[in-house]
Amino acid sequence: MHKVIHSDKNITVFGGLNFIFKAISDKKLDRYLDKRIGYRNPGARYTHSDIILSLLGSSLVQGSFIADLAVLKAKYRDQFFSKIPSADTVEYVCQQLKTDTIRETTANGATHHLNFSTQMNATLIGLAMQTGALKVGNQGYVMDFDHMIVETDKQDALRTYKRTKGYHPNLAFIGRIPIHLENHNGNTPAKYGQMETLQRCFGNLNDAGVSISAFRGDSASYQKEVVNVVEQHTNAFYIRISGCESFRKKCGTVKQWKTVIINDEVKQVASIAYMPFRRAKKSYRAVIIRSLRKDKQIDMLSETPYDYHGLLTNDKSQDEKAVIEFYNARGDAENSNRYMLGDFNLHHLPFPDMCTNTVFMYIMAMCATLFEWIKQILVLNKVKIIATSMRVKAVCFHYITVASSYINHARKKTLKVFAPANTYHELLI
């Protein structure tokens, strides 16, 4: 190895964060977060926005645990944003913001734990509107609703259907933007309390003046009460039909099938009038896909050698192919869940109890919204290589990782960036 010379000069390897935090400050998003979540004691050293932006910065530079804030503080000292707290401070603030966990016992004796904050859910929507991701009066928003398993061995976590301990939160997204989150314990099935969750979600959206055009949900949303709620608040809904006996029998009676190509695969599709809930006595459109079984064995219920999958919808204008392709776009919401787990550290929950970890989930959901806005700003400022489809790792590699240092020049603090001038400049918003 050649000779090594050490220097304690204040140079950071995360110089791109200076431009990002400056844009956030120019947009006054930090002030908005403090106003929406609430102001802390005037004697407190760190505000709520300091906590959120610190965790955002840590995520953007690939930090995995809140203890990594100490590393960020050391490597990013004396830069544009310097109010980076310790992990203990983050925990203290999350303890202050937590809400009590609701415990409900069903008729069969099962106990379910739910935790959510109406204020934090309203803040998710408000932040999305503040960044311009959502606008009042827009009629084209599509809401995707899904659940995810957050595996963890925390003291109050219960066993999930994957036979591992964890939590089972549900999330609603508009595109990549999280707009609603409620945490459930691991033993709580996806169907449990979904009607009440969606009522709270649509209530917050209505209060903010945001209209939802279409709703997409998986088979956990295949419930009469859920269908009633989404039908009241949207123009159209698309819900996967669970493989119940009556549905399979009905599919076996269909005689006319169309052949279409979806995702380069040949599919046979059909539409039927279907009454999914007997007591409701209301008919909807069911779009059916059938595929020949590999073993060609006859199914006892349908009396055919086919497997059937269906979508329940009130959309009667689009053809089967369009309905199926529109629903398949919901897969992007499942990717959003994975991004929350991987890019924003939901797979590394820091606290020992469910209610405090729920606050952490809300903060990271806000960070996800800020990240989507940051990418938009970088693209609008024509930063090379950056695309709105990028994940955190790519943005960190292509933009954030650059050496910079603040120097005193002509009685002013000047940011010196060790990169070409056409790559790094103040971001216009």
Foldseek 3Di string as FASTA:
>chain_A
DDDDDDDPAQKAQQQLVLQLVVVCVVLVVLVVVCVLQHFDDPPDLDTPSLLLVLLLVCLLQPNQAQQCSVVVLSRVPPGNRRSGDHPVVSLVVLVVRFDDWDWDADPVGDIKTKGDDLSLLLVLVVLCVSLVVFDAPDQEWEKEKDKDWQADDFPPADAAPVRGTTKIKIFIDGQLATRFIMIMHRHDDPLPPPLVRVVSSLVSCVVVRGAHAEYEYECSCVDPSSVVSCVVRYNKYKYKHDPDLVVLQVVLPDDDWDWDADPNDTWTKDKDWDDSDVVVPDTFIKIKTKDADPVQDQDPRSRGRIDMIIITMNDPPDDSRVSVVVNVVSVSVVVSVVLCCRSSNSNCQPDNDDRSSVSSSSSSSSSSSSVLSSLVQCVVLVAPPRDSPDGSVVCCVRRRRWMWHWDQDPNDTDIGTPDDPSRDDNTDD
